[in-house]
């Protein structure tokens, strides 16, 4: 039987059922989203999915509440919210609907769960307080921002809560879809980086077809010999360094000190490469007008990094 109704509770809302609605409305776009506490509606039926209300969790019966005791827990003992329950059951189908390649779905599903869904679950259950982000940032966490879209306390006009929920839904959808697209893009980038590493062989320069995340792929491949990366950027080409870690600005090798802060003719004179356009004073990126020019600069940077060898 097809799903005709997506049922959650009425009144004010939290991030968990709002984000659950993002998942379910993509999978069942023809279903009516109903916000109610009517017992007749929050009783399981084959044609409806009930979440964040109903006092039970039974995936087979399509009811996903977490407020009952005992409450549903992850394998590591951390509590689920309705978002976590919905993601665990429907997240893979959602990723397929977002056209994530089948080979990447399991890893993306797991990574999104730990990095995006779990924090929502913990905050909703009171296991983590957003104040832990610090006084400056606690009000900028996603759960707080989404819940700020609720009606204010004295707006009691009929249907105000439902209108606020409907207005918040596309905002929540934008965050989820952007996160999924970015994570899926990292998997695509990893494939491209792997191919480029193979093509580089024993060379010291990673030649990429476009700008993309590359360091994790380089580290995963154990390509410790690579020192620099080149790729096109608009009509120009860039030469960049490879940082040694996430929490540092140290590089495997810096660009030549003689290039630092120079542009155009001054940089051309310093490196002897026609078409050299710019080198950052921090010596982590340089720009040239052509592929030939950037590869020539890369060769010079490698030779200096290796002590002129």
C-alpha atoms as a PDB file:
ATOM      1  CA  UNK A   1       0.000   0.000   0.000  1.00  0.00           C
ATOM      2  CA  UNK A   2       1.319   3.469  -0.862  1.00  0.00           C
ATOM      3  CA  UNK A   3       2.024   6.087   1.810  1.00  0.00           C
ATOM      4  CA  UNK A   4      -0.706   8.718   1.825  1.00  0.00           C
ATOM      5  CA  UNK A   5       0.096  10.560   5.083  1.00  0.00           C
ATOM      6  CA  UNK A   6       3.185  11.654   6.983  1.00  0.00           C
ATOM      7  CA  UNK A   7       2.051  12.288  10.535  1.00  0.00           C
ATOM      8  CA  UNK A   8       3.845  14.218  13.254  1.00  0.00           C
ATOM      9  CA  UNK A   9       2.652  16.210  16.237  1.00  0.00           C
ATOM     10  CA  UNK A  10       0.977  19.604  16.116  1.00  0.00           C
ATOM     11  CA  UNK A  11       1.994  22.718  18.071  1.00  0.00           C
ATOM     12  CA  UNK A  12       5.536  23.982  18.347  1.00  0.00           C
ATOM     13  CA  UNK A  13       8.293  22.054  16.625  1.00  0.00           C
ATOM     14  CA  UNK A  14      11.880  20.975  17.138  1.00  0.00           C
ATOM     15  CA  UNK A  15      14.665  20.270  14.691  1.00  0.00           C
ATOM     16  CA  UNK A  16      14.202  16.498  14.819  1.00  0.00           C
ATOM     17  CA  UNK A  17      10.710  16.208  13.338  1.00  0.00           C
ATOM     18  CA  UNK A  18      11.408  19.097  10.975  1.00  0.00           C
ATOM     19  CA  UNK A  19      14.475  17.335   9.569  1.00  0.00           C
ATOM     20  CA  UNK A  20      12.611  14.011   9.532  1.00  0.00           C
ATOM     21  CA  UNK A  21      10.019  15.715   7.367  1.00  0.00           C
ATOM     22  CA  UNK A  22      12.758  16.723   4.927  1.00  0.00           C
ATOM     23  CA  UNK A  23      13.641  13.056   4.418  1.00  0.00           C
ATOM     24  CA  UNK A  24      10.098  11.754   4.194  1.00  0.00           C
ATOM     25  CA  UNK A  25       8.647  14.432   1.925  1.00  0.00           C
ATOM     26  CA  UNK A  26      11.327  13.713  -0.672  1.00  0.00           C
ATOM     27  CA  UNK A  27      10.595   9.996  -0.567  1.00  0.00           C
ATOM     28  CA  UNK A  28       6.817  10.452  -0.522  1.00  0.00           C
ATOM     29  CA  UNK A  29       6.141  13.754  -2.283  1.00  0.00           C
ATOM     30  CA  UNK A  30       2.477  12.931  -2.898  1.00  0.00           C
ATOM     31  CA  UNK A  31       1.746  12.163   0.760  1.00  0.00           C
ATOM     32  CA  UNK A  32       0.001  14.743   2.925  1.00  0.00           C
ATOM     33  CA  UNK A  33       2.044  16.042   5.845  1.00  0.00           C
ATOM     34  CA  UNK A  34      -0.348  16.112   8.804  1.00  0.00           C
ATOM     35  CA  UNK A  35       0.478  17.701  12.150  1.00  0.00           C
ATOM     36  CA  UNK A  36      -1.880  16.403  14.806  1.00  0.00           C
ATOM     37  CA  UNK A  37      -2.200  14.722  18.190  1.00  0.00           C
ATOM     38  CA  UNK A  38      -5.480  13.032  17.325  1.00  0.00           C
ATOM     39  CA  UNK A  39      -5.177   9.443  18.589  1.00  0.00           C
ATOM     40  CA  UNK A  40      -6.893   8.135  15.487  1.00  0.00           C
ATOM     41  CA  UNK A  41      -4.126   9.600  13.336  1.00  0.00           C
ATOM     42  CA  UNK A  42      -1.177   8.660  15.557  1.00  0.00           C
ATOM     43  CA  UNK A  43      -2.214   5.020  15.573  1.00  0.00           C
ATOM     44  CA  UNK A  44      -0.209   2.942  13.065  1.00  0.00           C
ATOM     45  CA  UNK A  45      -1.749   2.092   9.713  1.00  0.00           C
ATOM     46  CA  UNK A  46      -0.165   0.744   6.499  1.00  0.00           C
ATOM     47  CA  UNK A  47      -0.690   3.958   4.559  1.00  0.00           C
ATOM     48  CA  UNK A  48       0.955   6.339   7.052  1.00  0.00           C
ATOM     49  CA  UNK A  49       4.338   7.044   8.648  1.00  0.00           C
ATOM     50  CA  UNK A  50       4.147   8.444  12.176  1.00  0.00           C
ATOM     51  CA  UNK A  51       7.144  10.189  13.755  1.00  0.00           C
ATOM     52  CA  UNK A  52       8.000  12.095  16.929  1.00  0.00           C
ATOM     53  CA  UNK A  53       4.609  11.234  18.343  1.00  0.00           C
ATOM     54  CA  UNK A  54       2.628   8.128  19.222  1.00  0.00           C
ATOM     55  CA  UNK A  55       4.603   6.702  22.127  1.00  0.00           C
ATOM     56  CA  UNK A  56       6.180   3.790  20.265  1.00  0.00           C
ATOM     57  CA  UNK A  57       9.018   2.831  17.972  1.00  0.00           C
ATOM     58  CA  UNK A  58       8.271   0.027  15.543  1.00  0.00           C
ATOM     59  CA  UNK A  59       9.862   0.398  12.130  1.00  0.00           C
ATOM     60  CA  UNK A  60       7.769  -2.420  10.693  1.00  0.00           C
ATOM     61  CA  UNK A  61       4.611  -0.575  11.776  1.00  0.00           C
ATOM     62  CA  UNK A  62       6.051   2.742  10.501  1.00  0.00           C
ATOM     63  CA  UNK A  63       5.957   4.555  13.828  1.00  0.00           C
ATOM     64  CA  UNK A  64       9.095   6.380  14.972  1.00  0.00           C
ATOM     65  CA  UNK A  65       8.706   8.031  18.372  1.00  0.00           C
ATOM     66  CA  UNK A  66      11.438   8.350  20.986  1.00  0.00           C
ATOM     67  CA  UNK A  67       9.668   9.909  23.972  1.00  0.00           C
ATOM     68  CA  UNK A  68       8.533   6.626  25.547  1.00  0.00           C
ATOM     69  CA  UNK A  69      10.355   4.588  28.174  1.00  0.00           C
ATOM     70  CA  UNK A  70      12.477   2.710  27.506  1.00  0.00           C
ATOM     71  CA  UNK A  71      13.581   5.043  24.751  1.00  0.00           C
ATOM     72  CA  UNK A  72      15.320   3.738  21.618  1.00  0.00           C
ATOM     73  CA  UNK A  73      19.125   3.800  21.813  1.00  0.00           C
ATOM     74  CA  UNK A  74      21.953   3.379  19.339  1.00  0.00           C
ATOM     75  CA  UNK A  75      24.303   0.442  19.689  1.00  0.00           C
ATOM     76  CA  UNK A  76      26.685   2.668  21.659  1.00  0.00           C
ATOM     77  CA  UNK A  77      23.921   3.658  24.077  1.00  0.00           C
ATOM     78  CA  UNK A  78      23.361   7.191  22.771  1.00  0.00           C
ATOM     79  CA  UNK A  79      19.711   8.203  22.396  1.00  0.00           C
ATOM     80  CA  UNK A  80      17.826   8.541  19.143  1.00  0.00           C
ATOM     81  CA  UNK A  81      15.486  11.384  18.313  1.00  0.00           C
ATOM     82  CA  UNK A  82      12.881  10.918  15.611  1.00  0.00           C
ATOM     83  CA  UNK A  83      15.426  12.198  13.083  1.00  0.00           C
ATOM     84  CA  UNK A  84      17.897   9.477  13.968  1.00  0.00           C
ATOM     85  CA  UNK A  85      15.198   6.810  13.751  1.00  0.00           C
ATOM     86  CA  UNK A  86      13.953   8.072  10.401  1.00  0.00           C
ATOM     87  CA  UNK A  87      17.499   8.355   9.052  1.00  0.00           C
ATOM     88  CA  UNK A  88      18.381   4.834  10.159  1.00  0.00           C
ATOM     89  CA  UNK A  89      15.340   3.410   8.373  1.00  0.00           C
ATOM     90  CA  UNK A  90      14.897   5.705   5.358  1.00  0.00           C
ATOM     91  CA  UNK A  91      18.261   7.442   4.954  1.00  0.00           C
ATOM     92  CA  UNK A  92      19.671   5.064   2.368  1.00  0.00           C
ATOM     93  CA  UNK A  93      16.565   5.420   0.209  1.00  0.00           C
ATOM     94  CA  UNK A  94      16.826   9.188   0.614  1.00  0.00           C
ATOM     95  CA  UNK A  95      20.434   9.158  -0.593  1.00  0.00           C
ATOM     96  CA  UNK A  96      19.424   7.058  -3.601  1.00  0.00           C
ATOM     97  CA  UNK A  97      16.684   9.597  -4.321  1.00  0.00           C
ATOM     98  CA  UNK A  98      19.370  12.296  -4.146  1.00  0.00           C
ATOM     99  CA  UNK A  99      21.222  10.345  -6.878  1.00  0.00           C
ATOM    100  CA  UNK A 100      24.147   9.366  -4.689  1.00  0.00           C
ATOM    101  CA  UNK A 101      25.983   6.504  -6.459  1.00  0.00           C
ATOM    102  CA  UNK A 102      25.155   3.123  -4.966  1.00  0.00           C
ATOM    103  CA  UNK A 103      28.810   2.433  -4.138  1.00  0.00           C
ATOM    104  CA  UNK A 104      28.929   5.530  -1.897  1.00  0.00           C
ATOM    105  CA  UNK A 105      25.572   5.214  -0.134  1.00  0.00           C
ATOM    106  CA  UNK A 106      26.634   3.124   2.855  1.00  0.00           C
ATOM    107  CA  UNK A 107      29.670   5.247   3.695  1.00  0.00           C
ATOM    108  CA  UNK A 108      27.786   8.499   3.174  1.00  0.00           C
ATOM    109  CA  UNK A 109      24.842   7.242   5.238  1.00  0.00           C
ATOM    110  CA  UNK A 110      27.155   6.392   8.126  1.00  0.00           C
ATOM    111  CA  UNK A 111      29.168   9.613   7.909  1.00  0.00           C
ATOM    112  CA  UNK A 112      26.068  11.799   7.741  1.00  0.00           C
ATOM    113  CA  UNK A 113      24.623   9.943  10.709  1.00  0.00           C
ATOM    114  CA  UNK A 114      27.652  10.620  12.886  1.00  0.00           C
ATOM    115  CA  UNK A 115      28.354  14.144  11.709  1.00  0.00           C
ATOM    116  CA  UNK A 116      24.872  15.606  11.219  1.00  0.00           C
ATOM    117  CA  UNK A 117      22.124  13.375  12.620  1.00  0.00           C
ATOM    118  CA  UNK A 118      23.692  12.373  15.931  1.00  0.00           C
ATOM    119  CA  UNK A 119      24.198  15.972  17.146  1.00  0.00           C
ATOM    120  CA  UNK A 120      20.503  16.663  16.473  1.00  0.00           C
ATOM    121  CA  UNK A 121      19.574  13.514  18.406  1.00  0.00           C
ATOM    122  CA  UNK A 122      21.738  14.427  21.382  1.00  0.00           C
ATOM    123  CA  UNK A 123      20.492  17.997  21.641  1.00  0.00           C
ATOM    124  CA  UNK A 124      16.856  16.951  21.293  1.00  0.00           C
ATOM    125  CA  UNK A 125      17.232  14.427  24.125  1.00  0.00           C
ATOM    126  CA  UNK A 126      19.071  16.827  26.398  1.00  0.00           C
ATOM    127  CA  UNK A 127      22.202  14.676  26.278  1.00  0.00           C
ATOM    128  CA  UNK A 128      24.171  17.669  24.991  1.00  0.00           C
ATOM    129  CA  UNK A 129      23.493  21.343  25.592  1.00  0.00           C
ATOM    130  CA  UNK A 130      24.127  23.824  22.800  1.00  0.00           C
ATOM    131  CA  UNK A 131      25.881  26.012  25.367  1.00  0.00           C
ATOM    132  CA  UNK A 132      28.806  23.604  25.034  1.00  0.00           C
ATOM    133  CA  UNK A 133      29.547  25.373  21.749  1.00  0.00           C
ATOM    134  CA  UNK A 134      30.484  28.386  23.887  1.00  0.00           C
ATOM    135  CA  UNK A 135      28.554  31.563  24.672  1.00  0.00           C
ATOM    136  CA  UNK A 136      29.361  33.169  21.339  1.00  0.00           C
ATOM    137  CA  UNK A 137      28.230  30.236  19.185  1.00  0.00           C
ATOM    138  CA  UNK A 138      25.555  28.429  21.201  1.00  0.00           C
ATOM    139  CA  UNK A 139      22.795  30.419  19.534  1.00  0.00           C
ATOM    140  CA  UNK A 140      24.182  29.641  16.082  1.00  0.00           C
ATOM    141  CA  UNK A 141      23.896  25.850  16.206  1.00  0.00           C
ATOM    142  CA  UNK A 142      21.546  24.285  13.668  1.00  0.00           C
ATOM    143  CA  UNK A 143      18.935  23.044  16.187  1.00  0.00           C
ATOM    144  CA  UNK A 144      18.664  26.503  17.722  1.00  0.00           C
ATOM    145  CA  UNK A 145      18.483  28.255  14.355  1.00  0.00           C
ATOM    146  CA  UNK A 146      15.763  25.928  13.060  1.00  0.00           C
ATOM    147  CA  UNK A 147      13.724  26.263  16.221  1.00  0.00           C
ATOM    148  CA  UNK A 148      14.022  30.042  16.024  1.00  0.00           C
ATOM    149  CA  UNK A 149      11.649  29.763  13.058  1.00  0.00           C
ATOM    150  CA  UNK A 150       8.814  28.799  15.404  1.00  0.00           C
ATOM    151  CA  UNK A 151       6.117  31.324  16.197  1.00  0.00           C
ATOM    152  CA  UNK A 152       6.721  33.750  19.044  1.00  0.00           C
ATOM    153  CA  UNK A 153       4.908  33.074  22.310  1.00  0.00           C
ATOM    154  CA  UNK A 154       2.058  35.548  21.794  1.00  0.00           C
ATOM    155  CA  UNK A 155       1.268  34.703  18.179  1.00  0.00           C
ATOM    156  CA  UNK A 156      -1.729  32.492  18.804  1.00  0.00           C
ATOM    157  CA  UNK A 157      -3.493  33.059  15.517  1.00  0.00           C
ATOM    158  CA  UNK A 158      -5.225  29.962  14.223  1.00  0.00           C
ATOM    159  CA  UNK A 159      -2.833  27.827  12.173  1.00  0.00           C
ATOM    160  CA  UNK A 160       0.240  29.896  13.145  1.00  0.00           C
ATOM    161  CA  UNK A 161       2.275  26.869  14.231  1.00  0.00           C
ATOM    162  CA  UNK A 162       1.502  24.960  11.048  1.00  0.00           C
ATOM    163  CA  UNK A 163       2.380  27.957   8.887  1.00  0.00           C
ATOM    164  CA  UNK A 164       5.667  28.368  10.732  1.00  0.00           C
ATOM    165  CA  UNK A 165       6.449  24.670  10.252  1.00  0.00           C
ATOM    166  CA  UNK A 166       5.655  24.893   6.535  1.00  0.00           C
ATOM    167  CA  UNK A 167       7.903  27.951   6.190  1.00  0.00           C
ATOM    168  CA  UNK A 168      10.743  26.267   8.121  1.00  0.00           C
ATOM    169  CA  UNK A 169      10.636  23.067   6.068  1.00  0.00           C
ATOM    170  CA  UNK A 170      12.385  24.437   2.925  1.00  0.00           C
ATOM    171  CA  UNK A 171      15.034  26.048   5.146  1.00  0.00           C
ATOM    172  CA  UNK A 172      15.750  22.715   6.811  1.00  0.00           C
ATOM    173  CA  UNK A 173      15.695  21.005   3.412  1.00  0.00           C
ATOM    174  CA  UNK A 174      18.353  23.380   2.113  1.00  0.00           C
ATOM    175  CA  UNK A 175      20.721  22.442   4.957  1.00  0.00           C
ATOM    176  CA  UNK A 176      20.216  18.695   4.572  1.00  0.00           C
ATOM    177  CA  UNK A 177      20.529  18.689   0.798  1.00  0.00           C
ATOM    178  CA  UNK A 178      23.588  20.950   0.849  1.00  0.00           C
ATOM    179  CA  UNK A 179      25.282  18.662   3.361  1.00  0.00           C
ATOM    180  CA  UNK A 180      24.477  15.562   1.325  1.00  0.00           C
ATOM    181  CA  UNK A 181      25.683  17.172  -1.913  1.00  0.00           C
ATOM    182  CA  UNK A 182      28.946  18.275  -0.302  1.00  0.00           C
ATOM    183  CA  UNK A 183      29.587  14.867   1.212  1.00  0.00           C
ATOM    184  CA  UNK A 184      28.740  13.114  -2.057  1.00  0.00           C
ATOM    185  CA  UNK A 185      31.101  15.489  -3.860  1.00  0.00           C
ATOM    186  CA  UNK A 186      33.937  14.419  -1.564  1.00  0.00           C
ATOM    187  CA  UNK A 187      33.461  10.825  -2.699  1.00  0.00           C
ATOM    188  CA  UNK A 188      33.593  11.931  -6.336  1.00  0.00           C
ATOM    189  CA  UNK A 189      36.696  13.969  -5.579  1.00  0.00           C
ATOM    190  CA  UNK A 190      38.330  10.973  -3.905  1.00  0.00           C
ATOM    191  CA  UNK A 191      37.879   8.925  -7.083  1.00  0.00           C
ATOM    192  CA  UNK A 192      39.410  11.688  -9.190  1.00  0.00           C
ATOM    193  CA  UNK A 193      42.307  12.194  -6.775  1.00  0.00           C
ATOM    194  CA  UNK A 194      43.035   8.473  -6.778  1.00  0.00           C
ATOM    195  CA  UNK A 195      43.214   8.474 -10.575  1.00  0.00           C
ATOM    196  CA  UNK A 196      45.481  11.534 -10.545  1.00  0.00           C
ATOM    197  CA  UNK A 197      47.815   9.932  -7.999  1.00  0.00           C
ATOM    198  CA  UNK A 198      48.140   6.881 -10.236  1.00  0.00           C
ATOM    199  CA  UNK A 199      48.876   9.123 -13.213  1.00  0.00           C
ATOM    200  CA  UNK A 200      51.503  11.064 -11.231  1.00  0.00           C
ATOM    201  CA  UNK A 201      53.478   7.926 -10.475  1.00  0.00           C
ATOM    202  CA  UNK A 202      56.697   8.906  -8.734  1.00  0.00           C
ATOM    203  CA  UNK A 203      56.240  12.560  -9.702  1.00  0.00           C
ATOM    204  CA  UNK A 204      56.028  15.223  -7.012  1.00  0.00           C
ATOM    205  CA  UNK A 205      53.083  17.162  -8.471  1.00  0.00           C
ATOM    206  CA  UNK A 206      49.440  16.103  -8.392  1.00  0.00           C
ATOM    207  CA  UNK A 207      47.744  17.271 -11.602  1.00  0.00           C
ATOM    208  CA  UNK A 208      43.985  17.655 -11.061  1.00  0.00           C
ATOM    209  CA  UNK A 209      41.332  18.517 -13.670  1.00  0.00           C
ATOM    210  CA  UNK A 210      39.701  21.093 -11.375  1.00  0.00           C
ATOM    211  CA  UNK A 211      39.835  22.411  -7.843  1.00  0.00           C
ATOM    212  CA  UNK A 212      38.580  19.833  -5.323  1.00  0.00           C
ATOM    213  CA  UNK A 213      39.277  18.428  -1.850  1.00  0.00           C
ATOM    214  CA  UNK A 214      42.461  16.393  -2.240  1.00  0.00           C
ATOM    215  CA  UNK A 215      44.435  16.042   0.981  1.00  0.00           C
ATOM    216  CA  UNK A 216      42.435  13.189   2.502  1.00  0.00           C
ATOM    217  CA  UNK A 217      42.774  11.248  -0.749  1.00  0.00           C
ATOM    218  CA  UNK A 218      46.502  11.872  -0.852  1.00  0.00           C
ATOM    219  CA  UNK A 219      46.903  10.716   2.746  1.00  0.00           C
ATOM    220  CA  UNK A 220      44.675   7.676   2.277  1.00  0.00           C
ATOM    221  CA  UNK A 221      46.752   6.618  -0.720  1.00  0.00           C
ATOM    222  CA  UNK A 222      49.959   7.054   1.274  1.00  0.00           C
ATOM    223  CA  UNK A 223      51.282   9.364  -1.448  1.00  0.00           C
ATOM    224  CA  UNK A 224      53.839  10.965   0.838  1.00  0.00           C
ATOM    225  CA  UNK A 225      56.081  11.851  -2.111  1.00  0.00           C
ATOM    226  CA  UNK A 226      53.642  14.456  -3.452  1.00  0.00           C
ATOM    227  CA  UNK A 227      54.573  18.054  -2.628  1.00  0.00           C
ATOM    228  CA  UNK A 228      52.322  20.294  -4.738  1.00  0.00           C
ATOM    229  CA  UNK A 229      49.017  20.328  -6.614  1.00  0.00           C
ATOM    230  CA  UNK A 230      48.116  22.058  -9.878  1.00  0.00           C
ATOM    231  CA  UNK A 231      44.653  22.610 -11.316  1.00  0.00           C
ATOM    232  CA  UNK A 232      42.754  25.096 -13.469  1.00  0.00           C
ATOM    233  CA  UNK A 233      40.795  27.949 -11.876  1.00  0.00           C
ATOM    234  CA  UNK A 234      38.646  29.830 -14.325  1.00  0.00           C
ATOM    235  CA  UNK A 235      40.931  31.033 -17.108  1.00  0.00           C
ATOM    236  CA  UNK A 236      44.019  30.714 -14.889  1.00  0.00           C
ATOM    237  CA  UNK A 237      45.919  27.819 -13.337  1.00  0.00           C
ATOM    238  CA  UNK A 238      46.949  27.433  -9.722  1.00  0.00           C
ATOM    239  CA  UNK A 239      49.846  25.798  -7.898  1.00  0.00           C
ATOM    240  CA  UNK A 240      49.089  24.974  -4.267  1.00  0.00           C
ATOM    241  CA  UNK A 241      50.867  23.354  -1.362  1.00  0.00           C
ATOM    242  CA  UNK A 242      49.713  20.297   0.609  1.00  0.00           C
ATOM    243  CA  UNK A 243      49.163  20.882   4.323  1.00  0.00           C
ATOM    244  CA  UNK A 244      50.537  18.333   6.769  1.00  0.00           C
ATOM    245  CA  UNK A 245      47.322  18.151   8.825  1.00  0.00           C
ATOM    246  CA  UNK A 246      43.861  19.533   9.530  1.00  0.00           C
ATOM    247  CA  UNK A 247      44.912  21.669  12.469  1.00  0.00           C
ATOM    248  CA  UNK A 248      48.009  23.301  11.015  1.00  0.00           C
ATOM    249  CA  UNK A 249      49.090  25.620   8.237  1.00  0.00           C
ATOM    250  CA  UNK A 250      52.404  23.795   7.877  1.00  0.00           C
ATOM    251  CA  UNK A 251      52.986  22.393   4.405  1.00  0.00           C
ATOM    252  CA  UNK A 252      54.925  19.463   3.044  1.00  0.00           C
ATOM    253  CA  UNK A 253      56.860  22.111   1.129  1.00  0.00           C
ATOM    254  CA  UNK A 254      56.415  25.855   0.675  1.00  0.00           C
ATOM    255  CA  UNK A 255      56.657  27.701  -2.601  1.00  0.00           C
ATOM    256  CA  UNK A 256      60.005  29.465  -3.177  1.00  0.00           C
ATOM    257  CA  UNK A 257      60.692  32.362  -0.827  1.00  0.00           C
ATOM    258  CA  UNK A 258      61.819  34.520  -3.754  1.00  0.00           C
ATOM    259  CA  UNK A 259      58.280  34.447  -5.142  1.00  0.00           C
ATOM    260  CA  UNK A 260      56.486  35.573  -1.977  1.00  0.00           C
ATOM    261  CA  UNK A 261      54.085  38.467  -2.521  1.00  0.00           C
ATOM    262  CA  UNK A 262      55.090  39.100  -6.134  1.00  0.00           C
ATOM    263  CA  UNK A 263      52.762  39.639  -9.086  1.00  0.00           C
ATOM    264  CA  UNK A 264      52.909  39.817 -12.871  1.00  0.00           C
ATOM    265  CA  UNK A 265      56.228  41.128 -14.266  1.00  0.00           C
ATOM    266  CA  UNK A 266      57.991  41.001 -10.910  1.00  0.00           C
ATOM    267  CA  UNK A 267      57.022  37.355 -10.447  1.00  0.00           C
ATOM    268  CA  UNK A 268      57.951  36.508 -14.036  1.00  0.00           C
ATOM    269  CA  UNK A 269      61.377  38.022 -13.420  1.00  0.00           C
ATOM    270  CA  UNK A 270      61.806  36.169 -10.124  1.00  0.00           C
ATOM    271  CA  UNK A 271      60.906  32.736 -11.450  1.00  0.00           C
ATOM    272  CA  UNK A 272      61.770  33.126 -15.131  1.00  0.00           C
ATOM    273  CA  UNK A 273      58.369  31.820 -16.270  1.00  0.00           C
ATOM    274  CA  UNK A 274      56.340  33.928 -18.751  1.00  0.00           C
ATOM    275  CA  UNK A 275      52.720  33.960 -17.657  1.00  0.00           C
ATOM    276  CA  UNK A 276      53.411  33.819 -13.909  1.00  0.00           C
ATOM    277  CA  UNK A 277      50.820  36.124 -12.305  1.00  0.00           C
ATOM    278  CA  UNK A 278      50.749  35.903  -8.531  1.00  0.00           C
ATOM    279  CA  UNK A 279      52.270  34.223  -5.487  1.00  0.00           C
ATOM    280  CA  UNK A 280      50.720  34.675  -2.060  1.00  0.00           C
ATOM    281  CA  UNK A 281      52.973  36.132   0.589  1.00  0.00           C
ATOM    282  CA  UNK A 282      52.266  33.010   2.644  1.00  0.00           C
ATOM    283  CA  UNK A 283      53.798  30.888  -0.166  1.00  0.00           C
ATOM    284  CA  UNK A 284      50.928  28.409  -0.288  1.00  0.00           C
ATOM    285  CA  UNK A 285      49.411  29.337  -3.656  1.00  0.00           C
ATOM    286  CA  UNK A 286      50.628  30.725  -6.963  1.00  0.00           C
ATOM    287  CA  UNK A 287      48.724  31.560 -10.145  1.00  0.00           C
ATOM    288  CA  UNK A 288      49.716  31.524 -13.801  1.00  0.00           C
ATOM    289  CA  UNK A 289      47.909  32.275 -17.037  1.00  0.00           C
ATOM    290  CA  UNK A 290      48.450  28.873 -18.678  1.00  0.00           C
ATOM    291  CA  UNK A 291      48.919  25.201 -17.908  1.00  0.00           C
ATOM    292  CA  UNK A 292      52.417  25.295 -19.370  1.00  0.00           C
ATOM    293  CA  UNK A 293      53.391  28.187 -17.105  1.00  0.00           C
ATOM    294  CA  UNK A 294      52.014  26.603 -13.935  1.00  0.00           C
ATOM    295  CA  UNK A 295      53.749  23.290 -14.665  1.00  0.00           C
ATOM    296  CA  UNK A 296      57.018  25.149 -15.185  1.00  0.00           C
ATOM    297  CA  UNK A 297      56.536  26.896 -11.845  1.00  0.00           C
ATOM    298  CA  UNK A 298      55.708  23.563 -10.219  1.00  0.00           C
ATOM    299  CA  UNK A 299      58.957  22.057 -11.537  1.00  0.00           C
ATOM    300  CA  UNK A 300      60.928  24.979 -10.077  1.00  0.00           C
ATOM    301  CA  UNK A 301      59.120  24.684  -6.729  1.00  0.00           C
ATOM    302  CA  UNK A 302      59.864  20.955  -6.552  1.00  0.00           C
ATOM    303  CA  UNK A 303      63.555  21.476  -7.328  1.00  0.00           C
ATOM    304  CA  UNK A 304      63.905  24.095  -4.612  1.00  0.00           C
ATOM    305  CA  UNK A 305      61.981  21.955  -2.117  1.00  0.00           C
ATOM    306  CA  UNK A 306      64.329  19.046  -2.820  1.00  0.00           C
ATOM    307  CA  UNK A 307      67.362  21.237  -2.363  1.00  0.00           C
ATOM    308  CA  UNK A 308      68.065  21.738  -6.038  1.00  0.00           C
ATOM    309  CA  UNK A 309      68.203  18.015  -6.801  1.00  0.00           C
END
